[in-house]
C-alpha atoms as a PDB file:
ATOM      1  CA  MET A   1     110.834 167.824  55.970  1.00  0.00           C
ATOM      2  CA  SER A   2     111.917 165.817  58.983  1.00  0.00           C
ATOM      3  CA  GLU A   3     111.553 162.069  58.455  1.00  0.00           C
ATOM      4  CA  ARG A   4     109.765 161.569  61.732  1.00  0.00           C
ATOM      5  CA  TYR A   5     106.268 161.936  63.018  1.00  0.00           C
ATOM      6  CA  ASP A   6     105.112 164.748  65.230  1.00  0.00           C
ATOM      7  CA  CYS A   7     102.001 164.694  67.346  1.00  0.00           C
ATOM      8  CA  VAL A   8      99.188 165.744  64.992  1.00  0.00           C
ATOM      9  CA  ASP A   9      95.795 167.079  66.019  1.00  0.00           C
ATOM     10  CA  MET A  10      93.317 164.995  64.047  1.00  0.00           C
ATOM     11  CA  ALA A  11      90.610 167.638  64.523  1.00  0.00           C
ATOM     12  CA  GLU A  12      92.655 170.588  63.251  1.00  0.00           C
ATOM     13  CA  THR A  13      91.126 172.557  60.391  1.00  0.00           C
ATOM     14  CA  GLY A  14      92.215 175.322  58.050  1.00  0.00           C
ATOM     15  CA  PRO A  15      94.843 175.780  55.306  1.00  0.00           C
ATOM     16  CA  ALA A  16      97.761 174.930  57.580  1.00  0.00           C
ATOM     17  CA  ALA A  17      96.016 171.724  58.620  1.00  0.00           C
ATOM     18  CA  VAL A  18      95.631 170.734  54.965  1.00  0.00           C
ATOM     19  CA  ARG A  19      99.369 171.076  54.399  1.00  0.00           C
ATOM     20  CA  THR A  20     100.069 169.181  57.617  1.00  0.00           C
ATOM     21  CA  ALA A  21      97.746 166.385  56.483  1.00  0.00           C
ATOM     22  CA  PHE A  22      99.578 165.983  53.176  1.00  0.00           C
ATOM     23  CA  ALA A  23     102.999 166.092  54.866  1.00  0.00           C
ATOM     24  CA  ASN A  24     101.836 163.563  57.438  1.00  0.00           C
ATOM     25  CA  GLN A  25     100.466 161.239  54.770  1.00  0.00           C
ATOM     26  CA  ILE A  26     103.711 161.341  52.784  1.00  0.00           C
ATOM     27  CA  LEU A  27     105.689 160.239  55.841  1.00  0.00           C
ATOM     28  CA  TYR A  28     103.089 157.641  56.725  1.00  0.00           C
ATOM     29  CA  CYS A  29     103.258 156.098  53.249  1.00  0.00           C
ATOM     30  CA  ARG A  30     107.042 155.995  53.286  1.00  0.00           C
ATOM     31  CA  ALA A  31     107.038 154.354  56.715  1.00  0.00           C
ATOM     32  CA  ASN A  32     104.591 151.687  55.528  1.00  0.00           C
ATOM     33  CA  GLY A  33     106.357 150.616  52.345  1.00  0.00           C
ATOM     34  CA  ALA A  34     104.407 152.757  49.906  1.00  0.00           C
ATOM     35  CA  PRO A  35     106.925 155.061  48.186  1.00  0.00           C
ATOM     36  CA  VAL A  36     104.860 155.388  44.994  1.00  0.00           C
ATOM     37  CA  THR A  37     101.797 156.489  46.923  1.00  0.00           C
ATOM     38  CA  ALA A  38     104.022 158.917  48.803  1.00  0.00           C
ATOM     39  CA  ARG A  39     105.106 160.358  45.445  1.00  0.00           C
ATOM     40  CA  ILE A  40     101.502 160.798  44.332  1.00  0.00           C
ATOM     41  CA  VAL A  41     100.545 162.508  47.588  1.00  0.00           C
ATOM     42  CA  ALA A  42     103.630 164.748  47.385  1.00  0.00           C
ATOM     43  CA  ALA A  43     102.730 165.724  43.816  1.00  0.00           C
ATOM     44  CA  LEU A  44      99.159 166.477  44.846  1.00  0.00           C
ATOM     45  CA  SER A  45     100.437 168.665  47.666  1.00  0.00           C
ATOM     46  CA  THR A  46     102.060 170.997  45.138  1.00  0.00           C
ATOM     47  CA  LEU A  47      98.578 171.882  43.885  1.00  0.00           C
ATOM     48  CA  LEU A  48      98.039 173.690  47.175  1.00  0.00           C
ATOM     49  CA  ASP A  49     100.615 176.358  46.353  1.00  0.00           C
ATOM     50  CA  LYS A  50      98.613 178.068  43.630  1.00  0.00           C
ATOM     51  CA  PRO A  51      95.300 176.232  43.282  1.00  0.00           C
ATOM     52  CA  ALA A  52      94.335 176.748  39.651  1.00  0.00           C
ATOM     53  CA  SER A  53      91.454 174.278  39.344  1.00  0.00           C
ATOM     54  CA  GLU A  54      88.279 173.455  41.242  1.00  0.00           C
ATOM     55  CA  PHE A  55      89.877 170.193  42.395  1.00  0.00           C
ATOM     56  CA  ALA A  56      92.914 172.013  43.786  1.00  0.00           C
ATOM     57  CA  ARG A  57      90.759 174.696  45.389  1.00  0.00           C
ATOM     58  CA  ARG A  58      88.647 172.077  47.143  1.00  0.00           C
ATOM     59  CA  LEU A  59      91.819 170.572  48.578  1.00  0.00           C
ATOM     60  CA  ALA A  60      93.280 173.897  49.661  1.00  0.00           C
ATOM     61  CA  ASP A  61      90.010 175.226  51.121  1.00  0.00           C
ATOM     62  CA  TRP A  62      88.902 172.009  52.817  1.00  0.00           C
ATOM     63  CA  SER A  63      86.382 172.969  55.486  1.00  0.00           C
ATOM     64  CA  GLY A  64      86.611 169.814  57.581  1.00  0.00           C
ATOM     65  CA  ALA A  65      89.532 168.228  59.414  1.00  0.00           C
ATOM     66  CA  PRO A  66      91.720 167.049  56.524  1.00  0.00           C
ATOM     67  CA  LEU A  67      93.648 164.412  58.444  1.00  0.00           C
ATOM     68  CA  ALA A  68      90.595 162.874  60.077  1.00  0.00           C
ATOM     69  CA  ASP A  69      88.843 163.054  56.697  1.00  0.00           C
ATOM     70  CA  ALA A  70      91.827 161.325  55.013  1.00  0.00           C
ATOM     71  CA  LEU A  71      91.808 164.090  52.406  1.00  0.00           C
ATOM     72  CA  PRO A  72      95.181 163.143  50.842  1.00  0.00           C
ATOM     73  CA  LEU A  73      94.020 159.550  50.366  1.00  0.00           C
ATOM     74  CA  ARG A  74      90.731 160.661  48.825  1.00  0.00           C
ATOM     75  CA  ALA A  75      92.701 162.580  46.208  1.00  0.00           C
ATOM     76  CA  ALA A  76      95.288 159.829  45.736  1.00  0.00           C
ATOM     77  CA  GLY A  77      92.525 157.261  45.271  1.00  0.00           C
ATOM     78  CA  GLY A  78      91.116 159.267  42.401  1.00  0.00           C
ATOM     79  CA  ILE A  79      94.510 159.494  40.724  1.00  0.00           C
ATOM     80  CA  HIS A  80      95.071 155.752  41.166  1.00  0.00           C
ATOM     81  CA  ALA A  81      91.637 155.027  39.668  1.00  0.00           C
ATOM     82  CA  LEU A  82      92.618 156.949  36.525  1.00  0.00           C
ATOM     83  CA  HIS A  83      95.738 154.806  36.283  1.00  0.00           C
ATOM     84  CA  LEU A  84      93.911 151.513  36.882  1.00  0.00           C
ATOM     85  CA  ALA A  85      91.284 152.369  34.291  1.00  0.00           C
ATOM     86  CA  GLY A  86      93.963 153.314  31.733  1.00  0.00           C
ATOM     87  CA  SER A  87      92.472 156.780  31.415  1.00  0.00           C
ATOM     88  CA  ALA A  88      95.668 158.713  32.114  1.00  0.00           C
ATOM     89  CA  HIS A  89      98.653 156.970  30.540  1.00  0.00           C
ATOM     90  CA  GLU A  90     100.938 159.830  31.554  1.00  0.00           C
ATOM     91  CA  LEU A  91     100.738 158.549  35.152  1.00  0.00           C
ATOM     92  CA  ALA A  92     102.326 155.194  34.277  1.00  0.00           C
ATOM     93  CA  PRO A  93     105.965 156.284  34.888  1.00  0.00           C
ATOM     94  CA  ILE A  94     105.140 157.360  38.440  1.00  0.00           C
ATOM     95  CA  TYR A  95     103.378 154.075  39.174  1.00  0.00           C
ATOM     96  CA  ALA A  96     106.391 152.280  37.699  1.00  0.00           C
ATOM     97  CA  ASP A  97     108.482 154.245  40.232  1.00  0.00           C
ATOM     98  CA  ALA A  98     110.582 155.717  37.433  1.00  0.00           C
ATOM     99  CA  GLU A  99     113.297 158.193  38.357  1.00  0.00           C
ATOM    100  CA  ASP A 100     114.109 161.615  36.943  1.00  0.00           C
ATOM    101  CA  ILE A 101     110.547 162.578  36.063  1.00  0.00           C
ATOM    102  CA  ASN A 102     108.498 165.577  37.153  1.00  0.00           C
ATOM    103  CA  ASP A 103     105.806 164.026  39.341  1.00  0.00           C
ATOM    104  CA  ALA A 104     104.177 167.360  40.121  1.00  0.00           C
ATOM    105  CA  ALA A 105     103.810 168.326  36.456  1.00  0.00           C
ATOM    106  CA  ILE A 106     102.456 164.892  35.500  1.00  0.00           C
ATOM    107  CA  VAL A 107      99.856 164.859  38.267  1.00  0.00           C
ATOM    108  CA  ALA A 108      98.868 168.474  37.642  1.00  0.00           C
ATOM    109  CA  GLY A 109      98.313 167.639  33.977  1.00  0.00           C
ATOM    110  CA  ALA A 110      96.190 164.624  34.868  1.00  0.00           C
ATOM    111  CA  VAL A 111      94.091 166.768  37.198  1.00  0.00           C
ATOM    112  CA  THR A 112      93.542 169.348  34.459  1.00  0.00           C
ATOM    113  CA  ARG A 113      92.490 166.742  31.904  1.00  0.00           C
ATOM    114  CA  HIS A 114      90.374 164.569  34.193  1.00  0.00           C
ATOM    115  CA  GLU A 115      89.006 166.961  36.782  1.00  0.00           C
ATOM    116  CA  ALA A 116      85.370 165.936  36.278  1.00  0.00           C
ATOM    117  CA  ALA A 117      86.246 162.327  37.041  1.00  0.00           C
ATOM    118  CA  LEU A 118      88.383 163.262  40.046  1.00  0.00           C
ATOM    119  CA  LEU A 119      86.048 165.623  41.886  1.00  0.00           C
ATOM    120  CA  PRO A 120      83.655 162.893  43.166  1.00  0.00           C
ATOM    121  CA  TRP A 121      86.584 161.177  44.894  1.00  0.00           C
ATOM    122  CA  LEU A 122      86.655 164.070  47.367  1.00  0.00           C
ATOM    123  CA  ASP A 123      83.050 163.497  48.435  1.00  0.00           C
ATOM    124  CA  GLY A 124      83.604 160.529  50.751  1.00  0.00           C
ATOM    125  CA  PRO A 125      86.291 158.852  52.847  1.00  0.00           C
ATOM    126  CA  PRO A 126      88.488 156.052  51.513  1.00  0.00           C
ATOM    127  CA  GLN A 127      87.231 152.506  51.547  1.00  0.00           C
ATOM    128  CA  THR A 128      90.266 150.553  52.755  1.00  0.00           C
ATOM    129  CA  ASN A 129      88.849 147.088  53.280  1.00  0.00           C
ATOM    130  CA  GLU A 130      91.863 144.859  54.012  1.00  0.00           C
ATOM    131  CA  ALA A 131      91.456 141.182  54.826  1.00  0.00           C
ATOM    132  CA  GLY A 132      94.944 140.933  56.333  1.00  0.00           C
ATOM    133  CA  ARG A 133      93.794 142.909  59.366  1.00  0.00           C
ATOM    134  CA  SER A 134      91.446 140.095  60.329  1.00  0.00           C
ATOM    135  CA  SER A 135      94.363 138.121  61.803  1.00  0.00           C
ATOM    136  CA  ASN A 136      94.149 140.565  64.709  1.00  0.00           C
ATOM    137  CA  PHE A 137      90.449 139.868  65.197  1.00  0.00           C
ATOM    138  CA  ILE A 138      91.068 136.127  65.366  1.00  0.00           C
ATOM    139  CA  ALA A 139      94.003 136.528  67.774  1.00  0.00           C
ATOM    140  CA  ALA A 140      91.855 138.690  70.053  1.00  0.00           C
ATOM    141  CA  MET A 141      89.097 136.066  70.067  1.00  0.00           C
ATOM    142  CA  LEU A 142      91.641 133.433  71.091  1.00  0.00           C
ATOM    143  CA  TRP A 143      92.719 135.717  73.933  1.00  0.00           C
ATOM    144  CA  PHE A 144      89.117 136.207  75.059  1.00  0.00           C
ATOM    145  CA  THR A 145      88.586 132.446  75.016  1.00  0.00           C
ATOM    146  CA  ASP A 146      91.688 131.979  77.121  1.00  0.00           C
ATOM    147  CA  ARG A 147      90.108 134.253  79.703  1.00  0.00           C
ATOM    148  CA  GLY A 148      86.978 132.182  79.949  1.00  0.00           C
ATOM    149  CA  LEU A 149      84.623 133.913  77.524  1.00  0.00           C
ATOM    150  CA  PRO A 150      82.491 131.505  75.481  1.00  0.00           C
ATOM    151  CA  PRO A 151      84.378 130.544  72.306  1.00  0.00           C
ATOM    152  CA  ARG A 152      81.267 131.113  70.160  1.00  0.00           C
ATOM    153  CA  PHE A 153      81.513 134.639  68.752  1.00  0.00           C
ATOM    154  CA  ASP A 154      78.632 136.688  67.370  1.00  0.00           C
ATOM    155  CA  CYS A 155      80.493 139.447  65.538  1.00  0.00           C
ATOM    156  CA  LEU A 156      79.354 142.956  64.686  1.00  0.00           C
ATOM    157  CA  GLU A 157      81.609 145.099  62.509  1.00  0.00           C
ATOM    158  CA  ILE A 158      81.348 148.817  61.819  1.00  0.00           C
ATOM    159  CA  GLY A 159      82.855 150.444  58.758  1.00  0.00           C
ATOM    160  CA  SER A 160      82.655 147.127  56.917  1.00  0.00           C
ATOM    161  CA  SER A 161      83.048 148.683  53.467  1.00  0.00           C
ATOM    162  CA  ALA A 162      82.605 145.649  51.181  1.00  0.00           C
ATOM    163  CA  GLY A 163      82.343 143.168  54.046  1.00  0.00           C
ATOM    164  CA  ILE A 164      85.639 141.434  53.353  1.00  0.00           C
ATOM    165  CA  ASN A 165      86.226 140.941  57.087  1.00  0.00           C
ATOM    166  CA  LEU A 166      82.690 139.602  57.468  1.00  0.00           C
ATOM    167  CA  MET A 167      83.898 136.488  55.634  1.00  0.00           C
ATOM    168  CA  ILE A 168      86.679 135.660  58.115  1.00  0.00           C
ATOM    169  CA  ASP A 169      85.080 132.319  58.908  1.00  0.00           C
ATOM    170  CA  ARG A 170      86.108 131.282  55.379  1.00  0.00           C
ATOM    171  CA  TYR A 171      89.811 132.158  55.817  1.00  0.00           C
ATOM    172  CA  HIS A 172      92.705 130.205  57.288  1.00  0.00           C
ATOM    173  CA  TYR A 173      95.154 131.717  59.766  1.00  0.00           C
ATOM    174  CA  ASP A 174      98.622 130.685  60.915  1.00  0.00           C
ATOM    175  CA  LEU A 175      99.311 132.960  63.865  1.00  0.00           C
ATOM    176  CA  GLY A 176     102.783 132.112  65.077  1.00  0.00           C
ATOM    177  CA  GLY A 177     102.039 128.410  64.625  1.00  0.00           C
ATOM    178  CA  VAL A 178      98.484 128.566  65.961  1.00  0.00           C
ATOM    179  CA  HIS A 179      96.113 127.490  63.192  1.00  0.00           C
ATOM    180  CA  VAL A 180      92.509 128.651  62.923  1.00  0.00           C
ATOM    181  CA  GLY A 181      89.928 128.230  60.184  1.00  0.00           C
ATOM    182  CA  PRO A 182      89.300 125.968  57.207  1.00  0.00           C
ATOM    183  CA  GLN A 183      92.145 124.760  55.036  1.00  0.00           C
ATOM    184  CA  PRO A 184      93.050 125.963  52.515  1.00  0.00           C
ATOM    185  CA  GLY A 185      90.368 128.612  52.969  1.00  0.00           C
ATOM    186  CA  ALA A 186      89.200 131.292  50.573  1.00  0.00           C
ATOM    187  CA  MET A 187      92.321 133.161  51.725  1.00  0.00           C
ATOM    188  CA  ALA A 188      95.226 132.163  53.943  1.00  0.00           C
ATOM    189  CA  PHE A 189      97.157 134.486  56.247  1.00  0.00           C
ATOM    190  CA  THR A 190     100.556 133.881  57.799  1.00  0.00           C
ATOM    191  CA  PRO A 191     101.631 137.249  59.208  1.00  0.00           C
ATOM    192  CA  ASP A 192     105.187 137.648  60.441  1.00  0.00           C
ATOM    193  CA  TRP A 193     104.454 136.838  64.071  1.00  0.00           C
ATOM    194  CA  ARG A 194     106.615 138.581  66.654  1.00  0.00           C
ATOM    195  CA  GLY A 195     106.595 137.611  70.309  1.00  0.00           C
ATOM    196  CA  ASN A 196     104.695 134.742  71.865  1.00  0.00           C
ATOM    197  CA  HIS A 197     101.966 133.074  69.864  1.00  0.00           C
ATOM    198  CA  PRO A 198      98.359 133.660  70.921  1.00  0.00           C
ATOM    199  CA  PRO A 199      96.570 131.011  72.992  1.00  0.00           C
ATOM    200  CA  GLN A 200      95.536 127.849  71.141  1.00  0.00           C
ATOM    201  CA  HIS A 201      91.782 127.263  71.290  1.00  0.00           C
ATOM    202  CA  ALA A 202      88.949 126.098  69.086  1.00  0.00           C
ATOM    203  CA  ILE A 203      86.613 128.984  68.322  1.00  0.00           C
ATOM    204  CA  ASP A 204      83.406 129.237  66.348  1.00  0.00           C
ATOM    205  CA  LEU A 205      82.108 132.308  64.523  1.00  0.00           C
ATOM    206  CA  VAL A 206      78.344 131.966  64.865  1.00  0.00           C
ATOM    207  CA  GLY A 207      77.411 135.390  63.491  1.00  0.00           C
ATOM    208  CA  LEU A 208      79.040 137.942  61.211  1.00  0.00           C
ATOM    209  CA  LYS A 209      77.121 141.120  60.433  1.00  0.00           C
ATOM    210  CA  GLY A 210      78.366 144.577  59.553  1.00  0.00           C
ATOM    211  CA  CYS A 211      77.393 148.056  58.463  1.00  0.00           C
ATOM    212  CA  ASP A 212      78.746 150.867  56.350  1.00  0.00           C
ATOM    213  CA  VAL A 213      77.521 154.325  55.396  1.00  0.00           C
ATOM    214  CA  ALA A 214      78.455 153.528  51.784  1.00  0.00           C
ATOM    215  CA  PRO A 215      78.525 149.722  51.446  1.00  0.00           C
ATOM    216  CA  VAL A 216      80.386 148.312  48.481  1.00  0.00           C
ATOM    217  CA  ASP A 217      79.100 145.431  46.364  1.00  0.00           C
ATOM    218  CA  LEU A 218      82.172 143.398  45.451  1.00  0.00           C
ATOM    219  CA  THR A 219      80.290 141.658  42.667  1.00  0.00           C
ATOM    220  CA  ASP A 220      79.840 144.999  40.829  1.00  0.00           C
ATOM    221  CA  PRO A 221      83.019 145.594  38.761  1.00  0.00           C
ATOM    222  CA  ALA A 222      82.707 149.385  39.021  1.00  0.00           C
ATOM    223  CA  GLN A 223      82.417 149.273  42.804  1.00  0.00           C
ATOM    224  CA  ALA A 224      85.253 146.751  43.034  1.00  0.00           C
ATOM    225  CA  LEU A 225      87.444 149.089  40.975  1.00  0.00           C
ATOM    226  CA  ARG A 226      86.796 151.839  43.518  1.00  0.00           C
ATOM    227  CA  LEU A 227      88.063 149.590  46.311  1.00  0.00           C
ATOM    228  CA  LYS A 228      91.126 148.648  44.279  1.00  0.00           C
ATOM    229  CA  ALA A 229      91.920 152.337  43.758  1.00  0.00           C
ATOM    230  CA  TYR A 230      92.425 152.717  47.497  1.00  0.00           C
ATOM    231  CA  ILE A 231      94.926 149.843  47.605  1.00  0.00           C
ATOM    232  CA  TRP A 232      98.458 151.151  47.564  1.00  0.00           C
ATOM    233  CA  PRO A 233      99.920 149.949  44.233  1.00  0.00           C
ATOM    234  CA  GLU A 234     103.133 148.714  45.867  1.00  0.00           C
ATOM    235  CA  HIS A 235     101.209 146.085  47.829  1.00  0.00           C
ATOM    236  CA  HIS A 236     100.645 143.438  45.146  1.00  0.00           C
ATOM    237  CA  ILE A 237      99.388 140.798  47.560  1.00  0.00           C
ATOM    238  CA  ARG A 238      96.489 143.048  48.498  1.00  0.00           C
ATOM    239  CA  PHE A 239      95.264 142.996  44.895  1.00  0.00           C
ATOM    240  CA  GLN A 240      95.429 139.180  44.971  1.00  0.00           C
ATOM    241  CA  ARG A 241      93.406 139.202  48.182  1.00  0.00           C
ATOM    242  CA  MET A 242      90.854 141.515  46.618  1.00  0.00           C
ATOM    243  CA  GLU A 243      90.319 139.077  43.749  1.00  0.00           C
ATOM    244  CA  ALA A 244      89.908 136.239  46.267  1.00  0.00           C
ATOM    245  CA  ALA A 245      87.405 138.333  48.236  1.00  0.00           C
ATOM    246  CA  ILE A 246      85.434 139.079  45.060  1.00  0.00           C
ATOM    247  CA  ALA A 247      85.253 135.342  44.333  1.00  0.00           C
ATOM    248  CA  ALA A 248      84.116 134.595  47.900  1.00  0.00           C
ATOM    249  CA  ALA A 249      81.439 137.315  47.832  1.00  0.00           C
ATOM    250  CA  THR A 250      80.198 136.080  44.470  1.00  0.00           C
ATOM    251  CA  GLU A 251      79.749 132.618  45.974  1.00  0.00           C
ATOM    252  CA  ALA A 252      77.955 133.915  49.090  1.00  0.00           C
ATOM    253  CA  PRO A 253      77.707 137.644  49.887  1.00  0.00           C
ATOM    254  CA  PRO A 254      78.535 138.853  53.405  1.00  0.00           C
ATOM    255  CA  GLN A 255      75.758 140.153  55.663  1.00  0.00           C
ATOM    256  CA  LEU A 256      76.204 143.892  55.226  1.00  0.00           C
ATOM    257  CA  VAL A 257      73.660 146.639  55.881  1.00  0.00           C
ATOM    258  CA  HIS A 258      73.536 150.315  54.963  1.00  0.00           C
ATOM    259  CA  ALA A 259      73.654 152.247  58.255  1.00  0.00           C
ATOM    260  CA  ASN A 260      75.836 154.564  60.252  1.00  0.00           C
ATOM    261  CA  ALA A 261      77.935 152.973  62.954  1.00  0.00           C
ATOM    262  CA  ALA A 262      76.096 154.337  65.986  1.00  0.00           C
ATOM    263  CA  ASP A 263      72.608 153.477  64.723  1.00  0.00           C
ATOM    264  CA  PHE A 264      73.774 149.977  63.832  1.00  0.00           C
ATOM    265  CA  ILE A 265      75.419 149.220  67.166  1.00  0.00           C
ATOM    266  CA  GLU A 266      72.569 150.636  69.233  1.00  0.00           C
ATOM    267  CA  ALA A 267      70.060 148.547  67.284  1.00  0.00           C
ATOM    268  CA  GLU A 268      72.114 145.356  67.456  1.00  0.00           C
ATOM    269  CA  LEU A 269      72.830 145.683  71.172  1.00  0.00           C
ATOM    270  CA  ALA A 270      69.081 146.021  71.762  1.00  0.00           C
ATOM    271  CA  GLN A 271      68.560 142.537  70.315  1.00  0.00           C
ATOM    272  CA  LEU A 272      68.435 139.521  72.628  1.00  0.00           C
ATOM    273  CA  GLN A 273      71.825 137.827  72.886  1.00  0.00           C
ATOM    274  CA  ALA A 274      72.016 134.051  72.788  1.00  0.00           C
ATOM    275  CA  ASP A 275      73.200 132.188  75.863  1.00  0.00           C
ATOM    276  CA  GLY A 276      76.713 130.808  75.555  1.00  0.00           C
ATOM    277  CA  ALA A 277      77.798 133.254  72.850  1.00  0.00           C
ATOM    278  CA  THR A 278      80.158 136.204  73.134  1.00  0.00           C
ATOM    279  CA  ARG A 279      78.829 139.249  71.327  1.00  0.00           C
ATOM    280  CA  VAL A 280      81.761 141.241  69.964  1.00  0.00           C
ATOM    281  CA  LEU A 281      82.100 144.629  68.295  1.00  0.00           C
ATOM    282  CA  MET A 282      85.099 144.731  65.958  1.00  0.00           C
ATOM    283  CA  HIS A 283      86.560 147.367  63.682  1.00  0.00           C
ATOM    284  CA  SER A 284      89.839 148.140  61.932  1.00  0.00           C
ATOM    285  CA  ILE A 285      91.187 151.483  60.722  1.00  0.00           C
ATOM    286  CA  VAL A 286      87.733 153.023  60.829  1.00  0.00           C
ATOM    287  CA  TRP A 287      87.345 154.818  64.183  1.00  0.00           C
ATOM    288  CA  GLN A 288      89.032 157.965  62.858  1.00  0.00           C
ATOM    289  CA  TYR A 289      86.301 158.254  60.214  1.00  0.00           C
ATOM    290  CA  VAL A 290      83.427 157.887  62.707  1.00  0.00           C
ATOM    291  CA  PRO A 291      82.095 161.329  63.739  1.00  0.00           C
ATOM    292  CA  ALA A 292      82.781 162.259  67.357  1.00  0.00           C
ATOM    293  CA  ASP A 293      79.113 162.194  68.322  1.00  0.00           C
ATOM    294  CA  GLN A 294      78.775 158.666  66.965  1.00  0.00           C
ATOM    295  CA  GLN A 295      81.943 157.572  68.751  1.00  0.00           C
ATOM    296  CA  ALA A 296      80.389 158.799  71.992  1.00  0.00           C
ATOM    297  CA  ARG A 297      77.113 157.005  71.277  1.00  0.00           C
ATOM    298  CA  ILE A 298      78.877 153.726  70.479  1.00  0.00           C
ATOM    299  CA  THR A 299      81.014 153.937  73.599  1.00  0.00           C
ATOM    300  CA  ALA A 300      77.995 154.715  75.764  1.00  0.00           C
ATOM    301  CA  ALA A 301      75.967 151.894  74.215  1.00  0.00           C
ATOM    302  CA  MET A 302      78.788 149.382  74.695  1.00  0.00           C
ATOM    303  CA  GLU A 303      79.365 150.394  78.302  1.00  0.00           C
ATOM    304  CA  ALA A 304      75.650 150.248  79.073  1.00  0.00           C
ATOM    305  CA  ALA A 305      75.388 146.812  77.460  1.00  0.00           C
ATOM    306  CA  GLY A 306      78.567 145.791  79.268  1.00  0.00           C
ATOM    307  CA  ALA A 307      76.968 146.670  82.595  1.00  0.00           C
ATOM    308  CA  ARG A 308      74.220 144.143  81.776  1.00  0.00           C
ATOM    309  CA  ALA A 309      76.613 141.462  80.490  1.00  0.00           C
ATOM    310  CA  THR A 310      76.878 138.110  82.252  1.00  0.00           C
ATOM    311  CA  ALA A 311      79.256 135.169  82.084  1.00  0.00           C
ATOM    312  CA  GLU A 312      76.698 133.394  79.853  1.00  0.00           C
ATOM    313  CA  ARG A 313      76.162 136.475  77.670  1.00  0.00           C
ATOM    314  CA  PRO A 314      79.428 138.446  77.684  1.00  0.00           C
ATOM    315  CA  LEU A 315      80.293 141.440  75.552  1.00  0.00           C
ATOM    316  CA  ALA A 316      83.658 142.196  73.932  1.00  0.00           C
ATOM    317  CA  TRP A 317      85.210 144.985  71.877  1.00  0.00           C
ATOM    318  CA  ILE A 318      88.116 144.543  69.440  1.00  0.00           C
ATOM    319  CA  ALA A 319      89.697 147.650  67.912  1.00  0.00           C
ATOM    320  CA  LEU A 320      92.644 147.690  65.504  1.00  0.00           C
ATOM    321  CA  GLU A 321      93.254 151.388  65.004  1.00  0.00           C
ATOM    322  CA  ALA A 322      96.025 153.851  64.250  1.00  0.00           C
ATOM    323  CA  ASN A 323      97.699 155.621  67.133  1.00  0.00           C
ATOM    324  CA  ARG A 324      98.397 158.890  65.334  1.00  0.00           C
ATOM    325  CA  THR A 325     100.639 160.135  68.111  1.00  0.00           C
ATOM    326  CA  VAL A 326     103.245 157.380  67.835  1.00  0.00           C
ATOM    327  CA  HIS A 327     102.178 156.339  64.316  1.00  0.00           C
ATOM    328  CA  HIS A 328     101.669 152.657  64.588  1.00  0.00           C
ATOM    329  CA  HIS A 329      98.585 150.480  64.801  1.00  0.00           C
ATOM    330  CA  GLU A 330      97.420 148.951  68.042  1.00  0.00           C
ATOM    331  CA  LEU A 331      95.135 146.028  68.815  1.00  0.00           C
ATOM    332  CA  VAL A 332      93.142 147.060  71.893  1.00  0.00           C
ATOM    333  CA  VAL A 333      90.356 145.053  73.525  1.00  0.00           C
ATOM    334  CA  ARG A 334      87.777 145.363  76.290  1.00  0.00           C
ATOM    335  CA  HIS A 335      85.303 142.837  77.657  1.00  0.00           C
ATOM    336  CA  TRP A 336      82.431 142.622  80.113  1.00  0.00           C
ATOM    337  CA  PRO A 337      81.937 141.461  82.775  1.00  0.00           C
ATOM    338  CA  GLY A 338      85.298 141.772  84.455  1.00  0.00           C
ATOM    339  CA  GLY A 339      87.557 143.387  81.885  1.00  0.00           C
ATOM    340  CA  SER A 340      86.157 146.773  80.998  1.00  0.00           C
ATOM    341  CA  ALA A 341      89.559 148.500  81.097  1.00  0.00           C
ATOM    342  CA  PRO A 342      91.262 148.606  77.676  1.00  0.00           C
ATOM    343  CA  VAL A 343      94.075 146.090  77.164  1.00  0.00           C
ATOM    344  CA  LYS A 344      96.626 146.489  74.369  1.00  0.00           C
ATOM    345  CA  LEU A 345      97.279 143.045  72.912  1.00  0.00           C
ATOM    346  CA  ALA A 346      99.516 143.884  69.958  1.00  0.00           C
ATOM    347  CA  HIS A 347     101.176 146.326  67.644  1.00  0.00           C
ATOM    348  CA  ALA A 348     100.376 145.467  64.041  1.00  0.00           C
ATOM    349  CA  HIS A 349     101.152 146.369  60.472  1.00  0.00           C
ATOM    350  CA  ALA A 350      98.394 148.415  58.854  1.00  0.00           C
ATOM    351  CA  HIS A 351      97.675 145.730  56.257  1.00  0.00           C
ATOM    352  CA  GLY A 352      98.426 142.582  58.204  1.00  0.00           C
ATOM    353  CA  ALA A 353     102.032 141.911  57.195  1.00  0.00           C
ATOM    354  CA  TRP A 354     103.170 141.445  60.804  1.00  0.00           C
ATOM    355  CA  VAL A 355     101.847 141.314  64.334  1.00  0.00           C
ATOM    356  CA  GLU A 356     103.897 142.042  67.459  1.00  0.00           C
ATOM    357  CA  TRP A 357     101.996 140.159  70.154  1.00  0.00           C
ATOM    358  CA  LEU A 358     101.984 141.699  73.615  1.00  0.00           C
ATOM    359  CA  GLY A 359      99.191 139.625  75.128  1.00  0.00           C
END
């Protein structure tokens, strides 16, 4: 397998697409500092050769678009959950990154013994709620403020999962020397900042509301365990952040509703916007999971609302999403009136470790 990325059609379906999705995910994990997760995904991919269980057959015969559906990560999340729960001790050597072991045989054995527990993990997309991505949201708001938008932000998030990024007003950020938020904060983020620092401004987050098709209650240990299963085990700091997020949500839960993204945005944009506040749609590593018809509805609703936007009631859009062609993450923004064309502000690490500022 070539250690490089090729252009991948996210909408491709069929058996060949399943194999491509697993191969793509292995490379993606290796490129993002997750060699253990890459090993798990590689071991799972061997089940495709001669699918001998219902779990393996569901993978091999996946009817949707396996890459867009994050099929390899659904399966890997289930395996990781077994490990975290202590239900499959045979997996421990892989998660310890031990050498000279048969990953494929170990994972195949775990699938055989725990298939009933694993099958539900294929029924929905991963919940990858990562607080480190919120540094990009804050940087984008500073950029908007620098361009004259009101520095009071009424934020709407889609794909909020457990609402960890709906608590960003409680976190502290050091963005290349630009400090935002309370100190010390429920969490503190100092990403490796590359390039110029973002503009220095005082901003206020006056509203934070989000939606998810399967919202997660962080205060429920079983639901929290599901979120932890989607964290790549190599990324220890992300587990620390998850515990901090659980503590913050226990103190005051985020405003999170059960709704699909398009319904939520259409309903929220229909509400009267306060004068002197910038209404902003924000999302991170979620657009690929939003069905195409909903993407179109959201885009149409934002552009229609943008056409009505004024200097006193502007509209903005912040997207931190994967560019699957070049395989890095991009921070792209739009705003109305006056800036409806997309602007790429940064390249960023998938989990917030670094930001390369272009703005």
